[in-house]
């Protein structure tokens, strides 16, 4: 997957809050590609949330 396409997937999942299966369909991802990029997107979401709420908080 190209870097640009990967960024679109991450943006769609993290920022737009779209359902992962819809993103996978829209970007024509294989199950393996989708799992790899959605895992990275989830990690990025967690890190972003931690940065805004601070360490040790769970919102």
Protein backbone atom coordinates (compact mmCIF):
# COMPACT_ATOMS: atom_id res chain seq x y z
CA UNK A 1 0.00 0.00 0.00
CA UNK A 2 1.34 3.42 -0.86
CA UNK A 3 2.12 5.88 1.90
CA UNK A 4 -0.57 8.24 0.68
CA UNK A 5 -3.24 5.53 0.65
CA UNK A 6 -2.13 4.39 4.10
CA UNK A 7 -2.51 7.93 5.41
CA UNK A 8 -6.03 8.11 3.96
CA UNK A 9 -6.94 4.90 5.77
CA UNK A 10 -5.54 6.16 9.06
CA UNK A 11 -7.33 9.49 8.62
CA UNK A 12 -10.64 7.83 7.81
CA UNK A 13 -10.50 5.54 10.83
CA UNK A 14 -9.00 7.90 13.42
CA UNK A 15 -10.15 11.40 12.55
CA UNK A 16 -13.43 10.77 10.77
CA UNK A 17 -14.42 7.93 13.08
CA UNK A 18 -15.63 5.81 10.16
CA UNK A 19 -16.38 2.15 10.61
CA UNK A 20 -13.36 0.06 9.74
CA UNK A 21 -15.21 -2.29 7.39
CA UNK A 22 -16.46 0.70 5.37
CA UNK A 23 -12.93 2.06 5.10
CA UNK A 24 -11.62 -1.34 3.99
CA UNK A 25 -14.28 -1.53 1.28
CA UNK A 26 -13.75 2.04 0.08
CA UNK A 27 -9.99 1.65 -0.23
CA UNK A 28 -10.15 -1.92 -1.57
CA UNK A 29 -7.85 -3.35 1.07
CA UNK A 30 -7.06 -7.00 1.51
CA UNK A 31 -7.82 -8.42 4.98
CA UNK A 32 -4.10 -8.42 5.81
CA UNK A 33 -3.53 -4.85 4.65
CA UNK A 34 -6.59 -3.69 6.54
CA UNK A 35 -5.54 -5.40 9.78
CA UNK A 36 -2.06 -3.87 9.53
CA UNK A 37 -3.29 -0.33 8.88
CA UNK A 38 -6.26 -0.40 11.24
CA UNK A 39 -3.95 -1.56 14.05
CA UNK A 40 -1.69 1.41 13.36
CA UNK A 41 -4.70 3.70 13.24
CA UNK A 42 -5.94 2.38 16.57
CA UNK A 43 -2.51 2.92 18.11
CA UNK A 44 -2.42 6.46 16.76
CA UNK A 45 -5.91 7.12 18.21
CA UNK A 46 -4.82 5.88 21.62
CA UNK A 47 -1.66 8.00 21.53
CA UNK A 48 -3.62 11.07 20.43
CA UNK A 49 -6.17 10.53 23.20
CA UNK A 50 -3.39 10.11 25.77
CA UNK A 51 -1.78 13.33 24.60
CA UNK A 52 -5.00 15.30 25.06
CA UNK A 53 -6.18 13.74 28.34
CA UNK A 54 -2.81 13.19 29.96
CA UNK A 55 -1.19 10.03 31.27
CA UNK A 56 -3.08 7.79 33.63
CA UNK A 57 -6.54 8.96 32.62
CA UNK A 58 -9.13 6.86 30.89
CA UNK A 59 -11.93 8.65 29.11
